[in-house]
């Protein structure tokens, strides 16, 4: 079951072109570093940061 916060984080990612732009410009390709950067930039929990990163990578491919 996906939590409300988890869904909100993914929805915010989908609705925010600036967030997608930041991801495109700032991700390093190193998963742990990218998760830390996403958490720091967007104030997300570990679980939500992982979900955002995975969603971004799926859309990118």
C-alpha atoms as a PDB file:
ATOM      1  CA  UNK A   1       0.000   0.000   0.000  1.00  0.00           C
ATOM      2  CA  UNK A   2       1.326   3.418  -0.974  1.00  0.00           C
ATOM      3  CA  UNK A   3       1.157   6.036   1.755  1.00  0.00           C
ATOM      4  CA  UNK A   4      -0.462   9.407   1.254  1.00  0.00           C
ATOM      5  CA  UNK A   5       2.910  11.166   1.649  1.00  0.00           C
ATOM      6  CA  UNK A   6       4.454   8.822  -0.907  1.00  0.00           C
ATOM      7  CA  UNK A   7       1.716   9.592  -3.446  1.00  0.00           C
ATOM      8  CA  UNK A   8       2.032  13.310  -2.712  1.00  0.00           C
ATOM      9  CA  UNK A   9       5.782  13.221  -3.334  1.00  0.00           C
ATOM     10  CA  UNK A  10       5.331  11.493  -6.678  1.00  0.00           C
ATOM     11  CA  UNK A  11       2.504  13.842  -7.659  1.00  0.00           C
ATOM     12  CA  UNK A  12       4.636  16.867  -6.776  1.00  0.00           C
ATOM     13  CA  UNK A  13       7.393  15.461  -8.967  1.00  0.00           C
ATOM     14  CA  UNK A  14       4.999  15.000 -11.897  1.00  0.00           C
ATOM     15  CA  UNK A  15       3.512  18.481 -11.538  1.00  0.00           C
ATOM     16  CA  UNK A  16       6.758  20.383 -11.117  1.00  0.00           C
ATOM     17  CA  UNK A  17       8.837  20.979 -14.253  1.00  0.00           C
ATOM     18  CA  UNK A  18      11.472  22.734 -12.132  1.00  0.00           C
ATOM     19  CA  UNK A  19      11.930  19.554 -10.071  1.00  0.00           C
ATOM     20  CA  UNK A  20      12.408  17.456 -13.205  1.00  0.00           C
ATOM     21  CA  UNK A  21      14.864  20.038 -14.539  1.00  0.00           C
ATOM     22  CA  UNK A  22      16.814  19.958 -11.275  1.00  0.00           C
ATOM     23  CA  UNK A  23      16.985  16.159 -11.452  1.00  0.00           C
ATOM     24  CA  UNK A  24      18.197  16.280 -15.053  1.00  0.00           C
ATOM     25  CA  UNK A  25      20.941  18.745 -14.168  1.00  0.00           C
ATOM     26  CA  UNK A  26      22.072  17.421 -10.781  1.00  0.00           C
ATOM     27  CA  UNK A  27      21.895  13.632 -10.695  1.00  0.00           C
ATOM     28  CA  UNK A  28      25.284  11.939 -10.817  1.00  0.00           C
ATOM     29  CA  UNK A  29      24.273   8.395 -11.715  1.00  0.00           C
ATOM     30  CA  UNK A  30      25.462   7.147  -8.313  1.00  0.00           C
ATOM     31  CA  UNK A  31      22.270   5.890  -6.671  1.00  0.00           C
ATOM     32  CA  UNK A  32      23.147   6.611  -3.028  1.00  0.00           C
ATOM     33  CA  UNK A  33      24.480  10.087  -3.811  1.00  0.00           C
ATOM     34  CA  UNK A  34      21.427  10.847  -5.938  1.00  0.00           C
ATOM     35  CA  UNK A  35      19.035   9.766  -3.183  1.00  0.00           C
ATOM     36  CA  UNK A  36      20.893  11.948  -0.676  1.00  0.00           C
ATOM     37  CA  UNK A  37      20.773  14.906  -3.072  1.00  0.00           C
ATOM     38  CA  UNK A  38      17.039  14.466  -3.690  1.00  0.00           C
ATOM     39  CA  UNK A  39      16.349  14.228   0.048  1.00  0.00           C
ATOM     40  CA  UNK A  40      18.390  17.334   0.745  1.00  0.00           C
ATOM     41  CA  UNK A  41      16.927  19.397  -2.102  1.00  0.00           C
ATOM     42  CA  UNK A  42      13.264  18.454  -1.698  1.00  0.00           C
ATOM     43  CA  UNK A  43      13.074  17.521   2.001  1.00  0.00           C
ATOM     44  CA  UNK A  44      11.748  14.025   1.303  1.00  0.00           C
ATOM     45  CA  UNK A  45      11.918  10.881   3.377  1.00  0.00           C
ATOM     46  CA  UNK A  46      14.245   8.135   2.224  1.00  0.00           C
ATOM     47  CA  UNK A  47      11.315   6.125   0.871  1.00  0.00           C
ATOM     48  CA  UNK A  48       9.919   9.065  -1.086  1.00  0.00           C
ATOM     49  CA  UNK A  49      13.321  10.058  -2.465  1.00  0.00           C
ATOM     50  CA  UNK A  50      13.848   6.507  -3.737  1.00  0.00           C
ATOM     51  CA  UNK A  51      10.403   6.561  -5.346  1.00  0.00           C
ATOM     52  CA  UNK A  52      11.085   9.896  -7.047  1.00  0.00           C
ATOM     53  CA  UNK A  53      14.466   8.700  -8.327  1.00  0.00           C
ATOM     54  CA  UNK A  54      13.016   5.423  -9.624  1.00  0.00           C
ATOM     55  CA  UNK A  55      10.115   7.231 -11.290  1.00  0.00           C
ATOM     56  CA  UNK A  56      12.484   9.737 -12.897  1.00  0.00           C
ATOM     57  CA  UNK A  57      14.724   6.974 -14.246  1.00  0.00           C
ATOM     58  CA  UNK A  58      11.708   5.078 -15.641  1.00  0.00           C
ATOM     59  CA  UNK A  59      10.455   8.163 -17.458  1.00  0.00           C
ATOM     60  CA  UNK A  60      13.925   8.940 -18.758  1.00  0.00           C
ATOM     61  CA  UNK A  61      14.292   5.518 -20.418  1.00  0.00           C
END
